[in-house]
Protein backbone atom coordinates (compact mmCIF):
# COMPACT_ATOMS: atom_id res chain seq x y z
CA MET A 1 10.04 38.39 -7.85
CA ILE A 2 7.70 40.64 -10.14
CA ARG A 3 9.80 42.27 -13.03
CA LEU A 4 8.84 45.64 -14.04
CA ALA A 5 9.67 47.41 -17.08
CA VAL A 6 9.54 51.20 -16.64
CA THR A 7 9.83 53.43 -19.70
CA VAL A 8 11.61 56.81 -18.82
CA GLY A 9 9.29 58.88 -20.81
CA GLU A 10 10.10 62.35 -22.44
CA PRO A 11 13.63 63.12 -21.46
CA ALA A 12 13.18 66.97 -21.30
CA GLY A 13 10.32 66.38 -18.75
CA ILE A 14 10.24 64.93 -15.27
CA GLY A 15 10.14 61.33 -16.14
CA PRO A 16 13.79 60.78 -15.73
CA ASP A 17 13.71 62.55 -12.22
CA ILE A 18 10.89 60.49 -10.93
CA CYS A 19 12.23 57.08 -12.31
CA LEU A 20 15.22 57.84 -10.34
CA GLU A 21 13.49 58.74 -7.27
CA LEU A 22 11.80 55.28 -7.75
CA ALA A 23 15.28 53.52 -8.13
CA CYS A 24 16.05 55.18 -5.09
CA THR A 25 13.17 53.57 -3.09
CA PRO A 26 12.14 50.65 -4.86
CA PRO A 27 9.28 48.21 -4.17
CA VAL A 28 10.01 45.13 -2.24
CA ASP A 29 10.94 42.03 -4.07
CA VAL A 30 10.46 43.89 -7.37
CA GLU A 31 13.09 43.91 -10.50
CA LEU A 32 12.96 47.32 -12.15
CA THR A 33 14.18 47.65 -15.71
CA PHE A 34 14.36 51.12 -16.82
CA ILE A 35 14.05 51.75 -20.65
CA GLY A 36 16.06 54.69 -21.78
CA ASP A 37 19.04 56.53 -22.22
CA ALA A 38 21.52 55.71 -19.29
CA ARG A 39 23.53 58.69 -20.29
CA LEU A 40 20.73 61.03 -19.61
CA LEU A 41 19.65 59.32 -16.32
CA ALA A 42 23.36 59.84 -15.25
CA ASP A 43 23.26 63.38 -16.00
CA ARG A 44 19.83 63.82 -14.23
CA ALA A 45 21.21 61.95 -11.32
CA ALA A 46 24.18 64.10 -11.11
CA ALA A 47 22.13 67.37 -11.36
CA LEU A 48 19.48 66.04 -8.91
CA ARG A 49 22.49 64.72 -6.35
CA LEU A 50 21.04 61.58 -6.25
CA PRO A 51 23.42 58.56 -5.38
CA VAL A 52 22.62 56.12 -8.07
CA ASP A 53 24.43 53.39 -9.76
CA LEU A 54 24.27 52.69 -13.56
CA SER A 55 26.90 50.05 -13.80
CA GLY A 56 24.45 47.25 -13.63
CA ALA A 57 26.67 45.23 -11.08
CA ALA A 58 24.96 46.75 -8.30
CA HIS A 59 21.69 45.68 -6.50
CA GLY A 60 19.24 47.45 -4.19
CA PRO A 61 18.27 50.95 -3.47
CA GLY A 62 19.92 53.52 -5.99
CA ALA A 63 21.02 50.77 -8.15
CA LEU A 64 19.51 51.02 -12.00
CA ARG A 65 19.20 48.10 -14.36
CA VAL A 66 18.85 50.09 -17.71
CA LEU A 67 17.62 48.53 -21.06
CA GLN A 68 19.63 51.13 -23.44
CA VAL A 69 17.72 53.11 -25.81
CA ASP A 70 20.34 55.74 -27.38
CA LEU A 71 18.78 59.35 -27.49
CA PRO A 72 19.84 61.08 -30.84
CA ARG A 73 19.97 64.17 -28.93
CA PRO A 74 19.79 64.04 -25.27
CA PRO A 75 17.92 67.42 -23.99
CA PRO A 76 18.50 69.59 -21.18
CA PRO A 77 15.38 69.54 -18.66
CA GLY A 78 12.41 71.58 -20.01
CA ARG A 79 13.69 71.80 -23.76
CA PRO A 80 11.98 68.73 -25.39
CA ASP A 81 13.34 67.86 -29.05
CA SER A 82 11.31 66.07 -31.45
CA ALA A 83 14.61 64.15 -32.97
CA ASN A 84 14.21 61.92 -30.04
CA ALA A 85 10.75 60.96 -31.10
CA LEU A 86 11.54 57.64 -32.95
CA ALA A 87 13.80 56.45 -29.95
CA LEU A 88 10.88 56.94 -27.29
CA LEU A 89 9.02 54.83 -29.48
CA GLU A 90 11.42 52.30 -29.70
CA GLY A 91 11.64 52.15 -26.04
CA LEU A 92 8.20 51.51 -25.95
CA ASP A 93 8.30 48.84 -28.45
CA GLN A 94 11.00 47.18 -26.54
CA ALA A 95 9.04 47.01 -23.40
CA VAL A 96 5.88 45.67 -25.13
CA ALA A 97 7.82 42.73 -26.59
CA GLY A 98 9.46 42.32 -23.36
CA CYS A 99 6.06 42.02 -21.88
CA LEU A 100 4.70 39.65 -24.65
CA SER A 101 7.60 37.15 -24.46
CA GLY A 102 7.61 37.08 -20.58
CA ARG A 103 10.63 38.81 -19.92
CA PHE A 104 8.61 41.32 -17.86
CA ASP A 105 5.33 40.75 -15.92
CA ALA A 106 4.06 44.12 -16.56
CA LEU A 107 4.93 47.73 -17.99
CA VAL A 108 4.63 51.20 -16.22
CA THR A 109 5.06 54.00 -18.39
CA ALA A 110 6.41 57.48 -17.32
CA PRO A 111 4.67 60.60 -19.25
CA LEU A 112 5.27 61.38 -22.78
CA ASP A 113 4.53 64.69 -24.72
CA LYS A 114 2.27 63.78 -27.48
CA GLY A 115 3.08 66.80 -29.42
CA VAL A 116 6.68 66.14 -29.28
CA ILE A 117 5.90 63.06 -31.08
CA ALA A 118 3.45 64.45 -33.59
CA ASP A 119 6.17 67.07 -34.43
CA ALA A 120 8.35 64.38 -35.78
CA GLY A 121 5.42 63.80 -38.44
CA VAL A 122 4.39 60.39 -36.44
CA PRO A 123 0.76 60.12 -35.65
CA PHE A 124 0.72 59.67 -31.72
CA SER A 125 -2.48 60.66 -29.68
CA GLY A 126 -1.38 58.86 -26.62
CA HIS A 127 0.35 55.38 -25.09
CA THR A 128 -3.25 53.87 -24.60
CA GLU A 129 -3.78 54.05 -28.34
CA TYR A 130 -0.25 53.23 -29.37
CA LEU A 131 -0.25 50.09 -26.92
CA ALA A 132 -3.37 48.71 -28.51
CA ALA A 133 -1.86 49.06 -31.90
CA ARG A 134 1.47 47.54 -30.91
CA CYS A 135 -0.30 44.58 -29.07
CA GLY A 136 -2.98 44.09 -32.01
CA CYS A 137 -6.24 44.73 -30.24
CA GLU A 138 -9.00 46.74 -31.88
CA GLN A 139 -10.27 48.08 -28.70
CA VAL A 140 -8.82 48.98 -25.27
CA VAL A 141 -10.04 51.16 -22.40
CA MET A 142 -8.30 53.74 -20.19
CA MET A 143 -9.37 53.66 -16.89
CA LEU A 144 -7.90 55.70 -13.65
CA VAL A 145 -7.72 54.54 -10.22
CA ALA A 146 -7.44 56.75 -6.95
CA GLY A 147 -7.99 54.63 -3.81
CA GLY A 148 -11.58 52.86 -4.19
CA LEU A 149 -12.53 55.37 -7.12
CA ARG A 150 -12.20 53.64 -10.50
CA VAL A 151 -13.14 55.91 -13.81
CA ALA A 152 -13.03 54.50 -17.16
CA LEU A 153 -13.43 56.32 -20.37
CA ALA A 154 -15.82 55.64 -23.34
CA THR A 155 -13.65 58.05 -25.39
CA THR A 156 -9.94 59.11 -24.68
CA HIS A 157 -7.98 61.98 -26.44
CA LEU A 158 -10.30 63.69 -28.99
CA PRO A 159 -11.50 66.98 -29.29
CA LEU A 160 -14.77 67.62 -27.68
CA ARG A 161 -16.64 68.35 -30.65
CA GLN A 162 -15.83 64.83 -32.04
CA VAL A 163 -17.08 62.87 -28.99
CA PRO A 164 -20.61 62.59 -29.58
CA ASP A 165 -20.12 61.06 -33.11
CA ALA A 166 -17.57 58.56 -31.69
CA LEU A 167 -20.25 56.89 -29.38
CA THR A 168 -21.85 54.11 -30.75
CA ILE A 169 -23.97 51.23 -29.46
CA ALA A 170 -21.24 48.72 -30.43
CA GLY A 171 -18.44 50.77 -29.32
CA LEU A 172 -19.70 51.23 -25.78
CA GLY A 173 -20.99 47.83 -25.48
CA GLY A 174 -17.05 46.62 -26.21
CA THR A 175 -16.25 49.15 -23.78
CA LEU A 176 -18.37 47.74 -20.92
CA ARG A 177 -17.16 44.16 -21.87
CA ILE A 178 -13.66 45.03 -21.50
CA LEU A 179 -14.39 46.92 -18.28
CA ASP A 180 -16.20 44.20 -16.71
CA GLY A 181 -13.99 41.66 -18.02
CA ASP A 182 -10.96 43.12 -16.46
CA LEU A 183 -12.34 44.26 -13.30
CA ARG A 184 -13.08 40.42 -12.86
CA ARG A 185 -10.02 38.99 -14.60
CA ARG A 186 -7.12 41.93 -12.98
CA PHE A 187 -9.12 43.32 -9.94
CA GLY A 188 -10.63 40.06 -8.64
CA LEU A 189 -14.25 41.49 -8.31
CA SER A 190 -16.66 38.49 -9.12
CA ARG A 191 -19.44 40.79 -10.23
CA PRO A 192 -18.28 44.44 -10.89
CA ARG A 193 -21.08 47.16 -10.58
CA ILE A 194 -20.93 49.59 -13.21
CA ALA A 195 -22.30 53.11 -13.42
CA VAL A 196 -22.59 54.74 -16.72
CA CYS A 197 -22.64 58.55 -17.16
CA GLY A 198 -24.75 60.21 -19.91
CA LEU A 199 -23.12 62.56 -22.08
CA ASN A 200 -25.44 65.63 -21.90
CA PRO A 201 -26.31 67.75 -18.97
CA HIS A 202 -28.88 66.09 -16.73
CA ALA A 203 -28.37 62.85 -18.55
CA GLY A 204 -30.33 64.54 -21.84
CA GLU A 205 -33.24 65.61 -19.42
CA ARG A 206 -35.58 62.91 -21.58
CA GLY A 207 -34.16 64.15 -24.90
CA HIS A 208 -34.75 67.78 -24.43
CA LEU A 209 -30.84 68.36 -24.06
CA GLY A 210 -29.75 65.91 -26.58
CA ARG A 211 -30.61 62.42 -27.79
CA GLU A 212 -27.26 60.53 -27.30
CA GLU A 213 -28.78 58.84 -24.09
CA ILE A 214 -31.84 57.61 -25.75
CA ASP A 215 -30.48 56.42 -29.16
CA VAL A 216 -27.10 55.13 -28.05
CA ILE A 217 -26.08 55.01 -24.37
CA ALA A 218 -29.31 53.50 -22.96
CA PRO A 219 -29.24 50.59 -25.84
CA ALA A 220 -25.65 49.95 -25.14
CA ILE A 221 -26.56 49.65 -21.40
CA ALA A 222 -29.62 47.44 -22.26
CA GLN A 223 -27.57 44.99 -24.44
CA ALA A 224 -24.87 44.87 -21.76
CA ARG A 225 -27.48 43.84 -19.04
CA ALA A 226 -28.95 41.37 -21.46
CA HIS A 227 -25.40 39.75 -21.31
CA GLY A 228 -25.47 39.73 -17.68
CA LEU A 229 -23.47 42.66 -16.96
CA ASP A 230 -24.46 44.67 -13.86
CA VAL A 231 -24.83 48.34 -15.67
CA THR A 232 -26.58 51.24 -14.34
CA GLY A 233 -27.31 54.34 -16.48
CA PRO A 234 -27.20 56.60 -17.98
CA LEU A 235 -26.69 58.58 -14.99
CA PRO A 236 -26.38 62.51 -14.79
CA ALA A 237 -22.41 63.01 -14.20
CA ASP A 238 -23.03 66.20 -12.03
CA THR A 239 -24.73 64.04 -9.20
CA LEU A 240 -23.18 60.79 -9.99
CA PHE A 241 -19.80 61.78 -8.65
CA THR A 242 -20.95 62.64 -5.08
CA PRO A 243 -19.79 59.98 -2.13
CA ALA A 244 -23.49 58.60 -1.76
CA ARG A 245 -24.19 57.95 -5.35
CA LEU A 246 -20.78 56.34 -5.87
CA ALA A 247 -21.03 54.14 -2.97
CA PRO A 248 -22.83 51.06 -4.70
CA PHE A 249 -20.55 51.16 -7.55
CA ASP A 250 -17.08 49.50 -8.19
CA ALA A 251 -16.40 51.66 -11.31
CA VAL A 252 -17.64 54.57 -13.45
CA LEU A 253 -17.65 54.66 -17.16
CA ALA A 254 -17.71 58.45 -18.37
CA MET A 255 -18.16 59.43 -21.96
CA TYR A 256 -15.16 61.67 -22.52
CA HIS A 257 -11.83 62.65 -21.04
CA ASP A 258 -12.66 65.75 -19.00
CA GLN A 259 -16.37 64.30 -17.59
CA GLY A 260 -14.65 61.87 -15.43
CA LEU A 261 -11.25 62.72 -14.79
CA PRO A 262 -11.33 65.93 -13.25
CA VAL A 263 -13.33 64.58 -10.50
CA LEU A 264 -10.88 61.53 -10.10
CA LYS A 265 -7.70 63.78 -10.16
CA TYR A 266 -9.13 66.21 -7.39
CA ALA A 267 -9.81 63.05 -5.36
CA GLY A 268 -6.26 61.75 -5.57
CA PHE A 269 -3.78 63.69 -7.91
CA GLY A 270 -0.56 62.75 -7.38
CA GLN A 271 -1.43 59.25 -6.33
CA ALA A 272 -3.77 58.18 -9.12
CA VAL A 273 -2.84 55.53 -11.63
CA ASN A 274 -3.76 55.23 -15.36
CA VAL A 275 -4.52 51.56 -16.24
CA THR A 276 -5.10 50.20 -19.89
CA LEU A 277 -7.48 47.82 -19.93
CA GLY A 278 -8.16 45.03 -22.75
CA LEU A 279 -4.40 44.62 -23.29
CA PRO A 280 -2.62 40.97 -23.16
CA ILE A 281 -0.19 42.69 -21.08
CA ILE A 282 -0.42 44.77 -17.84
CA ARG A 283 0.30 48.30 -18.22
CA THR A 284 0.12 50.97 -15.38
CA SER A 285 0.98 54.76 -15.57
CA VAL A 286 1.34 57.99 -13.85
CA ASP A 287 -1.63 60.60 -13.76
CA HIS A 288 0.02 63.42 -14.80
CA GLY A 289 1.95 64.97 -17.74
CA THR A 290 5.80 65.87 -18.40
CA ALA A 291 5.72 69.01 -16.10
CA TYR A 292 8.85 70.50 -17.94
CA ASP A 293 8.81 73.35 -15.27
CA LEU A 294 9.62 71.10 -12.63
CA ALA A 295 12.19 68.87 -14.76
CA GLY A 296 15.70 68.73 -13.03
CA THR A 297 14.76 71.14 -10.04
CA GLY A 298 14.19 68.40 -7.48
CA LYS A 299 10.52 69.62 -7.05
CA ALA A 300 8.86 66.65 -8.99
CA ASP A 301 6.81 64.27 -6.91
CA ALA A 302 7.17 60.58 -7.82
CA GLY A 303 3.99 59.40 -5.61
CA SER A 304 2.10 58.51 -8.68
CA LEU A 305 4.79 56.63 -10.59
CA ARG A 306 5.30 54.67 -7.04
CA ALA A 307 1.30 53.87 -7.15
CA ALA A 308 1.74 53.00 -10.44
CA ALA A 309 4.52 50.39 -9.65
CA ARG A 310 2.71 49.18 -6.75
CA LEU A 311 -0.71 48.65 -8.62
CA ALA A 312 1.22 46.83 -11.40
CA VAL A 313 3.06 44.47 -8.73
CA GLU A 314 -0.68 43.85 -7.42
CA LEU A 315 -2.05 43.15 -10.70
CA ALA A 316 1.06 40.90 -11.72
CA MET A 317 0.66 38.73 -8.48
CA ALA A 318 -3.00 38.36 -8.94
CA GLY A 319 -2.37 36.85 -12.67
CA ARG A 320 0.04 34.36 -11.33
């Protein structure tokens, strides 16, 4: 049986809603442990009229095993409170520790609000970066998966004006090695074929629309090829994301968040999964945010969380 840790996420958002939905229709032969405040889950379940059991004694659909993390101020739906920020990070820390110790086989995360945690005075740019620090990793890679489409990011949560300066030959080389390595190790691909986007329109048009392709991206690709990686690029992003151009590749490396993810989310929003590559643990997550306007309404779609749980199980089984 695969043991999944599931963090409930921002308590004022739809994280509790979709976690309760997952508990009511759990994956087969999977032990779910939800990390959060059981009081909040009980209140949200009552509001949504979901038949759940938080006693810890029951098993099967609707029975929640909860690793308790007390919230200082459990919020009503749609009204986040930065007083809860440290408790949310404590829940993440417990999940990571459980995965590293072997208590859990994988981690699935519901969405957090970066601003809520930052408002508490804690620098926080996202799950990906926080988990990398907690696991002692210098570099990790964010990749989203929707069906057969896999899009990884060279940079993650950066203002757009900072992206060109964040791209380096060494950094891109490390990203390509992690992407190639985890496609082999986690996804079972014997020789992953990776397409790399350019940064600028038309991949720089031979330097007329920017030199990042010439000075940074192409040299990083050349080094990766010299180490035996099957990497192609830099390619213009506006034509790469067409079915015919994508067909030969197992994954795409986009240079920044909104270059690759809009295409992937258009293709599979609500069923896509965020995977962190390069960690010593398996971590998957949803493809959406906290959706405060839907919290507590019964209208939240748990499809992406279910997909994240399914992929976490597949990756955990493949690693056994």
